[in-house]
Amino acid sequence: MSQSRVAIPMMIMLLASALGGCNIIGPLAYFVEGPPSVDAQYTLLDRPTVVFVDDRANTIGTNAPTIRRAIADKVSEDLMVKKLVTTTISPRDAMGVVASRDRHGELMPIDAIGRAVGAEQIIYVQMLAFSGTSDGVTPRPTARCRVRIIDVAQRVRLYPPPESQEVSRLIEVNTREVDPAMLRSTASRLKVYQALADETGEAIAKLFYKHEVKELGGSLEPR
């Protein structure tokens, strides 16, 4: 073993010994091992994929189509950037198909949405909450949704796996507090919601690749 490979561990051991009872082991471990990480929860099949964000309960409210598309676009973008799939289909196409059927009072099955746009698997996101506050008072944007993946041809659930007792995976996004003034006007509130949509899309995409653990209560930076 080279001297350079021995030098770093020896320096760490000497520093830890010199500091004695100081609470230094945690930071030292972080320095040596790197930040904690979370493994992918599911390995996506490399098939044409569409992301569809559903909000039939109208949890988003005003600007729902814009926010839904922003969440789906972020998931699609991250999947492509991480090279998890080769082809993603525009979420706008799926939203257009569903909107057309909804106008005629038809509730499309999830697999039918995928088939309509030429996808072989669909990442279906059901919104449960999306708001500038979780308690009606504190200006802390938050979102909750459930995620599942459906094999379009076979009409079966791929994730969570069929043997799982879960039919979908709960995702919760809790950000830090924002300036209350940001939620008072329509324009600035939309910026906050767009940033929250990005956070939500990122959290969904992270189900499918190994990633570092963020500090609790992630930052929200409206653009």
Protein backbone atom coordinates (compact mmCIF):
# COMPACT_ATOMS: atom_id res chain seq x y z
CA MET A 1 0.00 0.00 0.00
CA SER A 2 1.34 3.45 -0.89
CA GLN A 3 2.27 6.00 1.77
CA SER A 4 -0.46 8.37 0.52
CA ARG A 5 -3.18 5.76 1.16
CA VAL A 6 -1.95 5.24 4.71
CA ALA A 7 -1.48 8.91 5.50
CA ILE A 8 -5.13 10.01 5.47
CA PRO A 9 -6.51 7.32 7.83
CA MET A 10 -3.53 7.84 10.18
CA MET A 11 -4.14 11.59 10.26
CA ILE A 12 -7.83 11.02 11.07
CA MET A 13 -6.99 8.61 13.88
CA LEU A 14 -4.45 11.02 15.38
CA LEU A 15 -6.91 13.91 15.15
CA ALA A 16 -9.69 11.91 16.79
CA SER A 17 -7.30 10.81 19.56
CA ALA A 18 -6.10 14.36 20.16
CA LEU A 19 -9.65 15.71 20.41
CA GLY A 20 -10.53 13.07 23.01
CA GLY A 21 -14.09 13.38 24.21
CA CYS A 22 -15.12 16.00 21.65
CA ASN A 23 -18.12 15.10 19.50
CA ILE A 24 -16.02 14.77 16.38
CA ILE A 25 -16.53 11.17 15.26
CA GLY A 26 -19.75 11.95 13.36
CA PRO A 27 -18.25 14.74 11.24
CA LEU A 28 -15.10 12.69 10.69
CA ALA A 29 -17.16 9.74 9.48
CA TYR A 30 -19.06 12.06 7.14
CA PHE A 31 -15.73 13.36 5.81
CA VAL A 32 -14.39 9.87 5.17
CA GLU A 33 -17.54 8.11 3.94
CA GLY A 34 -19.35 11.00 2.31
CA PRO A 35 -22.96 12.08 2.90
CA PRO A 36 -25.58 9.40 3.66
CA SER A 37 -27.48 8.09 0.65
CA VAL A 38 -30.68 6.22 -0.16
CA ASP A 39 -30.81 3.37 -2.68
CA ALA A 40 -33.27 3.34 -5.56
CA GLN A 41 -36.60 1.87 -4.51
CA TYR A 42 -37.26 0.43 -7.96
CA THR A 43 -35.24 -0.06 -11.15
CA LEU A 44 -37.22 1.30 -14.06
CA LEU A 45 -37.52 -0.82 -17.18
CA ASP A 46 -36.13 1.01 -20.20
CA ARG A 47 -39.40 1.42 -22.03
CA PRO A 48 -41.23 4.42 -23.50
CA THR A 49 -42.53 6.08 -20.35
CA VAL A 50 -45.13 8.72 -19.60
CA VAL A 51 -45.70 10.50 -16.30
CA PHE A 52 -49.28 11.44 -15.51
CA VAL A 53 -50.16 13.61 -12.50
CA ASP A 54 -53.80 13.24 -11.50
CA ASP A 55 -55.65 15.76 -9.34
CA ARG A 56 -59.29 14.80 -9.61
CA ALA A 57 -59.81 15.91 -6.00
CA ASN A 58 -58.61 19.42 -7.00
CA THR A 59 -56.05 19.65 -4.20
CA ILE A 60 -53.94 22.09 -6.21
CA GLY A 61 -56.72 24.53 -7.00
CA THR A 62 -55.90 27.49 -9.23
CA ASN A 63 -53.34 26.82 -11.98
CA ALA A 64 -53.72 23.06 -11.47
CA PRO A 65 -52.94 22.13 -15.11
CA THR A 66 -49.75 24.21 -15.03
CA ILE A 67 -48.59 22.72 -11.73
CA ARG A 68 -49.49 19.16 -12.71
CA ARG A 69 -47.53 19.50 -15.93
CA ALA A 70 -44.58 21.06 -14.07
CA ILE A 71 -44.41 18.09 -11.68
CA ALA A 72 -44.65 15.56 -14.53
CA ASP A 73 -42.11 17.44 -16.64
CA LYS A 74 -39.63 17.49 -13.76
CA VAL A 75 -39.96 13.73 -13.22
CA SER A 76 -39.55 13.09 -16.95
CA GLU A 77 -36.52 15.40 -17.16
CA ASP A 78 -34.77 13.76 -14.21
CA LEU A 79 -35.36 10.27 -15.59
CA MET A 80 -33.73 11.30 -18.85
CA VAL A 81 -30.84 13.16 -17.22
CA LYS A 82 -30.08 10.14 -15.03
CA LYS A 83 -30.37 7.91 -18.13
CA LEU A 84 -32.94 5.70 -16.41
CA VAL A 85 -35.07 5.47 -19.55
CA THR A 86 -34.31 6.25 -23.18
CA THR A 87 -37.69 7.68 -24.14
CA THR A 88 -40.22 9.75 -22.23
CA ILE A 89 -43.51 10.90 -23.74
CA SER A 90 -44.72 14.44 -23.16
CA PRO A 91 -46.99 14.65 -20.10
CA ARG A 92 -48.91 17.33 -21.99
CA ASP A 93 -50.08 14.66 -24.46
CA ALA A 94 -51.42 12.44 -21.68
CA MET A 95 -53.14 15.38 -20.01
CA GLY A 96 -54.78 16.33 -23.32
CA VAL A 97 -56.15 12.83 -23.86
CA VAL A 98 -57.57 12.61 -20.34
CA ALA A 99 -59.07 16.10 -20.50
CA SER A 100 -60.88 15.17 -23.71
CA ARG A 101 -62.33 12.00 -22.17
CA ASP A 102 -63.26 13.84 -18.97
CA ARG A 103 -65.34 16.29 -21.00
CA HIS A 104 -67.40 13.33 -22.14
CA GLY A 105 -67.75 11.94 -18.63
CA GLU A 106 -65.42 9.00 -19.25
CA LEU A 107 -62.99 7.98 -16.49
CA MET A 108 -59.95 6.51 -18.25
CA PRO A 109 -58.16 3.54 -16.67
CA ILE A 110 -54.48 4.24 -15.99
CA ASP A 111 -53.25 1.71 -18.54
CA ALA A 112 -55.53 3.23 -21.18
CA ILE A 113 -53.88 6.62 -20.66
CA GLY A 114 -50.52 5.05 -21.43
CA ARG A 115 -51.79 3.24 -24.53
CA ALA A 116 -53.38 6.41 -25.87
CA VAL A 117 -49.99 8.15 -26.05
CA GLY A 118 -47.87 5.17 -27.09
CA ALA A 119 -46.26 4.51 -23.70
CA GLU A 120 -45.33 1.04 -22.47
CA GLN A 121 -45.28 2.04 -18.82
CA ILE A 122 -46.93 4.89 -16.97
CA ILE A 123 -45.81 6.56 -13.76
CA TYR A 124 -49.11 7.53 -12.20
CA VAL A 125 -49.07 10.24 -9.54
CA GLN A 126 -52.18 10.91 -7.48
CA MET A 127 -52.06 14.26 -5.69
CA LEU A 128 -53.27 14.28 -2.09
CA ALA A 129 -52.18 17.76 -0.99
CA PHE A 130 -50.46 20.78 -2.48
CA SER A 131 -50.48 24.01 -0.55
CA GLY A 132 -48.51 26.99 0.68
CA THR A 133 -49.20 25.89 4.24
CA SER A 134 -49.75 22.59 5.99
CA ASP A 135 -51.70 23.99 8.93
CA GLY A 136 -53.44 27.01 7.45
CA VAL A 137 -51.14 29.39 9.30
CA THR A 138 -47.44 28.61 8.86
CA PRO A 139 -46.14 29.66 5.42
CA ARG A 140 -44.46 26.34 4.74
CA PRO A 141 -45.24 24.89 1.30
CA THR A 142 -46.01 21.20 1.38
CA ALA A 143 -47.13 18.49 -1.00
CA ARG A 144 -48.23 14.88 -0.70
CA CYS A 145 -48.92 12.34 -3.42
CA ARG A 146 -49.03 8.63 -4.12
CA VAL A 147 -47.02 7.00 -6.89
CA ARG A 148 -47.36 3.74 -8.77
CA ILE A 149 -46.10 2.34 -12.06
CA ILE A 150 -48.34 0.39 -14.40
CA ASP A 151 -47.29 -1.93 -17.22
CA VAL A 152 -49.51 -0.69 -20.03
CA ALA A 153 -49.61 -3.89 -22.11
CA GLN A 154 -50.04 -6.35 -19.26
CA ARG A 155 -52.25 -4.03 -17.18
CA VAL A 156 -50.39 -4.92 -14.00
CA ARG A 157 -48.69 -2.88 -11.32
CA LEU A 158 -44.91 -2.89 -11.48
CA TYR A 159 -44.27 -0.62 -8.49
CA PRO A 160 -44.90 -1.07 -5.67
CA PRO A 161 -44.28 -4.73 -6.59
CA PRO A 162 -47.40 -6.89 -6.91
CA GLU A 163 -46.53 -8.84 -3.77
CA SER A 164 -46.40 -5.64 -1.71
CA GLN A 165 -49.31 -4.75 0.54
CA GLU A 166 -48.94 -1.16 -0.66
CA VAL A 167 -50.82 -0.29 -3.83
CA SER A 168 -48.93 3.00 -4.15
CA ARG A 169 -45.98 4.75 -2.56
CA LEU A 170 -46.57 7.85 -0.44
CA ILE A 171 -44.35 10.84 -1.15
CA GLU A 172 -44.29 13.83 1.20
CA VAL A 173 -42.49 17.09 0.47
CA ASN A 174 -42.03 19.47 3.39
CA THR A 175 -40.05 22.62 2.73
CA ARG A 176 -38.74 25.38 4.94
CA GLU A 177 -40.87 28.38 5.70
CA VAL A 178 -41.09 31.11 3.09
CA ASP A 179 -41.71 34.83 3.43
CA PRO A 180 -45.49 35.15 4.05
CA ALA A 181 -45.54 37.97 1.51
CA MET A 182 -44.75 35.41 -1.19
CA LEU A 183 -48.18 33.84 -0.69
CA ARG A 184 -50.21 37.04 -0.79
CA SER A 185 -50.19 37.89 -4.46
CA THR A 186 -51.19 35.62 -7.33
CA ALA A 187 -47.91 36.10 -9.21
CA SER A 188 -45.57 35.43 -6.28
CA ARG A 189 -47.69 32.53 -5.01
CA LEU A 190 -47.43 30.91 -8.45
CA LYS A 191 -43.64 31.16 -8.23
CA VAL A 192 -43.73 29.40 -4.85
CA TYR A 193 -45.98 26.70 -6.25
CA GLN A 194 -43.76 26.21 -9.29
CA ALA A 195 -40.77 25.73 -6.99
CA LEU A 196 -42.80 23.28 -4.90
CA ALA A 197 -43.74 21.44 -8.09
CA ASP A 198 -40.03 21.06 -8.91
CA GLU A 199 -39.34 19.72 -5.41
CA THR A 200 -42.23 17.27 -5.75
CA GLY A 201 -41.11 16.06 -9.16
CA GLU A 202 -37.57 15.59 -7.90
CA ALA A 203 -38.79 13.61 -4.88
CA ILE A 204 -40.79 11.30 -7.16
CA ALA A 205 -37.87 10.74 -9.54
CA LYS A 206 -35.59 9.90 -6.61
CA LEU A 207 -37.58 6.73 -6.04
CA PHE A 208 -35.74 5.37 -9.05
CA TYR A 209 -32.09 6.27 -8.45
CA LYS A 210 -29.60 6.32 -5.60
CA HIS A 211 -29.27 9.79 -4.10
CA GLU A 212 -27.84 11.70 -1.21
CA VAL A 213 -30.07 12.48 1.75
CA LYS A 214 -31.06 16.11 1.88
CA GLU A 215 -31.18 18.09 5.09
CA LEU A 216 -34.59 17.71 6.74
CA GLY A 217 -36.95 20.39 5.56
CA GLY A 218 -35.44 21.11 2.18
CA SER A 219 -34.96 24.58 0.83
CA LEU A 220 -37.51 26.13 -1.47
CA GLU A 221 -36.23 28.77 -3.84
CA PRO A 222 -38.95 30.34 -5.96
CA ARG A 223 -37.65 31.41 -9.36
